[in-house]
Protein backbone atom coordinates (compact mmCIF):
# COMPACT_ATOMS: atom_id res chain seq x y z
CA UNK A 1 83.62 72.73 -25.07
CA UNK A 2 80.54 74.26 -26.90
CA UNK A 3 78.11 71.04 -27.87
CA UNK A 4 77.18 71.48 -31.38
CA UNK A 5 73.35 69.97 -32.56
CA UNK A 6 72.91 69.29 -36.07
CA UNK A 7 69.56 69.43 -37.31
CA UNK A 8 67.39 66.33 -38.75
CA UNK A 9 67.35 66.64 -42.15
CA UNK A 10 63.52 67.27 -43.64
CA UNK A 11 62.89 64.85 -45.43
CA UNK A 12 63.93 62.07 -42.56
CA UNK A 13 61.67 64.37 -39.97
CA UNK A 14 58.70 64.03 -42.92
CA UNK A 15 58.71 60.10 -43.18
CA UNK A 16 58.82 59.72 -39.51
CA UNK A 17 55.70 62.01 -39.02
CA UNK A 18 54.17 60.04 -41.90
CA UNK A 19 55.40 56.82 -40.51
CA UNK A 20 53.82 57.19 -36.73
CA UNK A 21 50.60 58.84 -38.59
CA UNK A 22 49.86 55.88 -40.31
CA UNK A 23 50.48 53.42 -36.97
CA UNK A 24 48.19 55.57 -35.36
CA UNK A 25 45.55 55.77 -38.08
CA UNK A 26 45.68 51.92 -38.13
CA UNK A 27 45.65 51.37 -34.57
CA UNK A 28 42.54 53.62 -34.27
CA UNK A 29 40.75 51.55 -36.86
CA UNK A 30 40.76 48.56 -34.52
CA UNK A 31 39.94 50.55 -31.50
CA UNK A 32 36.95 50.71 -30.48
CA UNK A 33 35.69 53.97 -29.35
CA UNK A 34 34.76 53.95 -25.51
CA UNK A 35 32.18 56.02 -23.71
CA UNK A 36 31.21 56.87 -20.36
CA UNK A 37 29.19 54.25 -18.20
CA UNK A 38 25.79 54.50 -19.19
CA UNK A 39 23.35 56.16 -16.59
CA UNK A 40 21.25 53.63 -14.87
CA UNK A 41 18.38 56.47 -14.51
CA UNK A 42 18.08 56.28 -18.37
CA UNK A 43 17.73 53.17 -18.84
CA UNK A 44 13.97 54.00 -20.01
CA UNK A 45 15.52 55.37 -23.61
CA UNK A 46 16.42 51.65 -24.26
CA UNK A 47 13.25 50.41 -24.28
CA UNK A 48 11.08 52.20 -26.90
CA UNK A 49 7.63 50.69 -27.26
CA UNK A 50 8.49 49.96 -30.98
CA UNK A 51 11.71 48.23 -30.53
CA UNK A 52 10.47 44.78 -30.57
CA UNK A 53 9.37 45.97 -34.24
CA UNK A 54 12.91 46.23 -35.25
CA UNK A 55 15.07 44.45 -32.95
CA UNK A 56 13.32 41.52 -33.88
CA UNK A 57 14.45 39.54 -30.77
CA UNK A 58 12.90 36.42 -32.20
CA UNK A 59 14.85 35.96 -35.15
CA UNK A 60 17.94 36.92 -33.28
CA UNK A 61 16.95 33.80 -30.70
CA UNK A 62 16.08 31.51 -33.93
CA UNK A 63 19.56 32.46 -35.46
CA UNK A 64 21.43 30.97 -32.18
CA UNK A 65 19.21 28.32 -31.65
CA UNK A 66 17.96 29.07 -28.60
CA UNK A 67 15.06 26.88 -27.34
CA UNK A 68 13.25 25.54 -24.55
CA UNK A 69 15.84 24.17 -21.82
CA UNK A 70 19.14 26.31 -23.06
CA UNK A 71 21.41 27.68 -20.75
CA UNK A 72 21.85 31.26 -22.33
CA UNK A 73 23.80 34.49 -21.19
CA UNK A 74 22.97 38.13 -21.69
CA UNK A 75 26.20 39.87 -21.81
CA UNK A 76 25.77 43.86 -20.64
CA UNK A 77 22.36 43.00 -20.32
CA UNK A 78 21.54 46.91 -18.97
CA UNK A 79 17.87 46.63 -17.56
CA UNK A 80 17.31 43.70 -18.72
CA UNK A 81 15.12 43.85 -21.96
CA UNK A 82 16.51 40.93 -24.02
CA UNK A 83 16.78 38.88 -20.41
CA UNK A 84 13.25 39.00 -20.13
CA UNK A 85 12.78 37.62 -23.50
CA UNK A 86 15.60 34.93 -23.20
CA UNK A 87 13.76 33.74 -20.02
CA UNK A 88 10.71 33.23 -22.26
CA UNK A 89 12.02 31.31 -24.96
CA UNK A 90 14.06 28.61 -22.56
CA UNK A 91 11.47 28.31 -20.33
CA UNK A 92 11.36 26.70 -16.96
CA UNK A 93 13.63 23.85 -17.79
CA UNK A 94 16.52 26.58 -19.23
CA UNK A 95 18.46 28.98 -17.27
CA UNK A 96 19.52 32.69 -17.99
CA UNK A 97 22.77 34.24 -16.97
CA UNK A 98 21.72 38.27 -17.26
CA UNK A 99 25.51 39.84 -16.64
CA UNK A 100 26.44 43.43 -16.35
CA UNK A 101 29.21 45.35 -15.07
CA UNK A 102 27.46 47.79 -12.95
CA UNK A 103 25.76 47.51 -9.95
CA UNK A 104 22.81 49.73 -10.49
CA UNK A 105 22.06 47.62 -13.66
CA UNK A 106 22.18 44.37 -11.69
CA UNK A 107 19.43 45.97 -9.48
CA UNK A 108 17.24 46.84 -11.90
CA UNK A 109 17.79 43.41 -13.68
CA UNK A 110 16.38 42.09 -10.17
CA UNK A 111 13.54 44.25 -9.60
CA UNK A 112 12.20 43.51 -13.20
CA UNK A 113 12.78 39.86 -12.93
CA UNK A 114 10.89 39.63 -9.84
CA UNK A 115 7.78 41.81 -11.00
CA UNK A 116 7.74 39.50 -14.57
CA UNK A 117 8.02 36.43 -11.61
CA UNK A 118 10.77 34.53 -13.49
CA UNK A 119 12.87 31.76 -11.82
CA UNK A 120 15.13 31.14 -14.39
CA UNK A 121 17.39 34.16 -14.19
CA UNK A 122 20.35 34.49 -12.34
CA UNK A 123 22.02 37.99 -12.64
CA UNK A 124 26.15 38.06 -12.63
CA UNK A 125 28.04 41.09 -11.85
CA UNK A 126 31.01 40.72 -13.89
CA UNK A 127 34.27 42.74 -14.68
CA UNK A 128 35.23 44.58 -17.98
CA UNK A 129 37.65 41.48 -19.26
CA UNK A 130 35.53 38.52 -17.43
CA UNK A 131 31.88 37.58 -17.58
CA UNK A 132 32.29 35.87 -14.35
CA UNK A 133 30.29 32.74 -16.16
CA UNK A 134 31.44 28.94 -15.47
CA UNK A 135 33.17 27.50 -18.23
CA UNK A 136 31.35 25.25 -20.41
CA UNK A 137 27.93 25.91 -19.60
CA UNK A 138 26.39 28.22 -22.44
CA UNK A 139 24.38 26.69 -25.59
CA UNK A 140 24.49 30.56 -26.20
CA UNK A 141 25.82 33.88 -25.30
CA UNK A 142 24.46 37.49 -26.51
CA UNK A 143 25.82 40.85 -26.89
CA UNK A 144 23.43 43.49 -27.79
CA UNK A 145 25.05 47.04 -29.01
CA UNK A 146 27.53 46.48 -26.32
CA UNK A 147 30.73 45.54 -27.96
CA UNK A 148 31.87 49.04 -29.44
CA UNK A 149 32.31 49.91 -26.03
CA UNK A 150 34.73 46.85 -24.68
CA UNK A 151 37.68 48.46 -23.52
CA UNK A 152 39.83 45.22 -23.80
CA UNK A 153 38.69 42.50 -26.07
CA UNK A 154 41.70 40.45 -26.02
CA UNK A 155 41.53 40.03 -22.32
CA UNK A 156 37.39 39.46 -22.11
CA UNK A 157 36.91 37.42 -25.16
CA UNK A 158 38.49 34.22 -24.25
CA UNK A 159 36.62 34.22 -21.38
CA UNK A 160 33.34 33.85 -23.11
CA UNK A 161 34.53 31.86 -25.33
CA UNK A 162 35.50 29.63 -22.66
CA UNK A 163 31.86 29.69 -21.16
CA UNK A 164 30.51 28.33 -24.05
CA UNK A 165 29.56 24.52 -24.52
CA UNK A 166 31.51 22.85 -27.71
CA UNK A 167 28.70 23.64 -29.57
CA UNK A 168 27.54 26.69 -27.99
CA UNK A 169 27.16 29.81 -30.35
CA UNK A 170 28.29 33.59 -29.72
CA UNK A 171 26.18 36.60 -31.25
CA UNK A 172 27.02 39.85 -31.52
CA UNK A 173 24.52 42.45 -32.62
CA UNK A 174 25.65 45.96 -33.48
CA UNK A 175 24.07 49.51 -35.37
CA UNK A 176 24.98 49.40 -38.98
CA UNK A 177 27.27 52.47 -40.29
CA UNK A 178 24.31 53.26 -42.97
CA UNK A 179 23.11 56.01 -41.14
CA UNK A 180 19.76 55.16 -40.94
CA UNK A 181 17.17 53.96 -37.78
CA UNK A 182 18.62 55.02 -34.21
CA UNK A 183 21.68 54.03 -32.46
CA UNK A 184 24.76 56.12 -31.60
CA UNK A 185 26.42 58.54 -33.53
CA UNK A 186 27.99 57.22 -37.04
CA UNK A 187 31.37 57.48 -35.65
CA UNK A 188 30.83 55.49 -32.41
CA UNK A 189 29.83 52.32 -34.19
CA UNK A 190 31.80 49.66 -35.06
CA UNK A 191 33.00 48.10 -38.27
CA UNK A 192 31.88 44.38 -38.30
CA UNK A 193 35.24 43.15 -39.90
CA UNK A 194 37.02 44.41 -37.22
CA UNK A 195 34.64 42.70 -34.66
CA UNK A 196 35.12 39.30 -36.88
CA UNK A 197 39.06 39.80 -36.86
CA UNK A 198 38.81 40.36 -32.88
CA UNK A 199 36.71 37.59 -31.64
CA UNK A 200 38.39 34.90 -34.57
CA UNK A 201 41.52 35.83 -32.16
CA UNK A 202 39.67 34.71 -29.18
CA UNK A 203 39.65 31.22 -30.85
CA UNK A 204 35.79 31.18 -32.15
CA UNK A 205 35.15 31.26 -35.61
CA UNK A 206 32.38 32.90 -37.94
CA UNK A 207 29.68 31.03 -38.34
CA UNK A 208 27.10 33.42 -39.69
CA UNK A 209 26.92 37.34 -40.67
CA UNK A 210 23.01 37.72 -40.64
CA UNK A 211 20.73 40.37 -43.00
CA UNK A 212 17.51 40.31 -41.00
CA UNK A 213 17.57 43.65 -38.67
CA UNK A 214 16.85 46.92 -40.44
CA UNK A 215 19.08 48.75 -38.66
CA UNK A 216 21.70 46.51 -37.13
CA UNK A 217 23.88 43.57 -38.05
CA UNK A 218 23.98 40.17 -36.59
CA UNK A 219 27.18 37.94 -36.41
CA UNK A 220 27.21 33.98 -35.05
CA UNK A 221 30.69 32.75 -33.71
CA UNK A 222 31.03 29.35 -32.60
CA UNK A 223 33.65 26.70 -31.98
CA UNK A 224 32.41 24.24 -34.63
CA UNK A 225 32.77 24.55 -38.66
CA UNK A 226 30.47 26.56 -40.67
CA UNK A 227 29.94 23.99 -43.94
CA UNK A 228 25.99 24.47 -43.56
CA UNK A 229 25.31 28.18 -42.53
CA UNK A 230 23.88 30.82 -44.39
CA UNK A 231 26.69 33.65 -44.86
CA UNK A 232 29.23 31.50 -43.29
CA UNK A 233 32.77 31.85 -43.89
CA UNK A 234 33.98 30.07 -46.87
CA UNK A 235 30.32 29.34 -47.88
CA UNK A 236 29.02 30.07 -51.58
CA UNK A 237 27.62 33.71 -51.27
CA UNK A 238 24.42 34.51 -51.69
CA UNK A 239 23.10 35.76 -55.45
CA UNK A 240 22.33 39.78 -55.53
CA UNK A 241 18.81 40.58 -54.86
CA UNK A 242 17.00 41.28 -58.49
CA UNK A 243 16.62 45.28 -59.20
CA UNK A 244 13.31 46.46 -57.84
CA UNK A 245 11.30 47.56 -60.44
CA UNK A 246 10.45 51.42 -60.67
CA UNK A 247 6.69 50.86 -60.06
CA UNK A 248 6.99 48.96 -56.58
CA UNK A 249 7.02 50.64 -53.35
CA UNK A 250 9.73 49.36 -51.00
CA UNK A 251 8.47 47.87 -48.03
CA UNK A 252 8.79 50.32 -45.33
CA UNK A 253 10.82 49.21 -42.03
CA UNK A 254 9.12 49.99 -38.56
CA UNK A 255 10.63 53.80 -37.56
CA UNK A 256 12.02 54.28 -34.07
CA UNK A 257 10.73 56.11 -31.81
CA UNK A 258 13.78 57.40 -30.66
CA UNK A 259 17.83 57.17 -31.12
CA UNK A 260 19.12 54.32 -28.59
CA UNK A 261 22.42 55.66 -26.77
CA UNK A 262 25.13 53.43 -25.78
CA UNK A 263 26.50 51.91 -22.34
CA UNK A 264 30.17 51.18 -21.60
CA UNK A 265 31.53 47.73 -20.11
């Protein structure tokens, strides 16, 4: 007996395509783009002579309340540019965990720490889903230009949260989508609202959304409430800036010497 196949109505096929297309777009917006592992031999590109000017490491550390004696983590530390500055800030009574998932990066950090004569840095070879840090030990954890390369935020972020003390803070720094300055291509940059949703799902709360950097945003998360922090969830928004006079020249931000490529967790 011959089997007769009845074709699907065209309007039903079109509806199915629309539904699956919308679902795919939604997932793409929630999922950061990923690149290859950053080549250790190109670490010099991450450390232009003007990076201190536009990265503003001291202001980032102030926002995370990092002080003498603090225990902190540099997550996705790369070649250790921020690790060194954290180590100087916390001093000999503090401790810096410098974490990365590439053995070559860990070796580069060790050489750098030795050159600097620092005794308060411990390197940690983490995994893509776990930083390998002891629970409840960190006053602050910092992730700079790494979030967009995380393969599985749902697995990694709760493990970062567990490493924080009850009043510990977690800072994420990423390049904005405003199209100025250094950083990866626009399509690889992370939507801060997506970051907030994903980190909040790990049990942390947004405490501050800082606007202190010329080319990047800084999000600060914690386990406590946000009643007294600037830009916190539920806080009164800051008033808009007054219009700039036509006769007033805008302040010039430091121009980067070269764009910064990404590395991947």
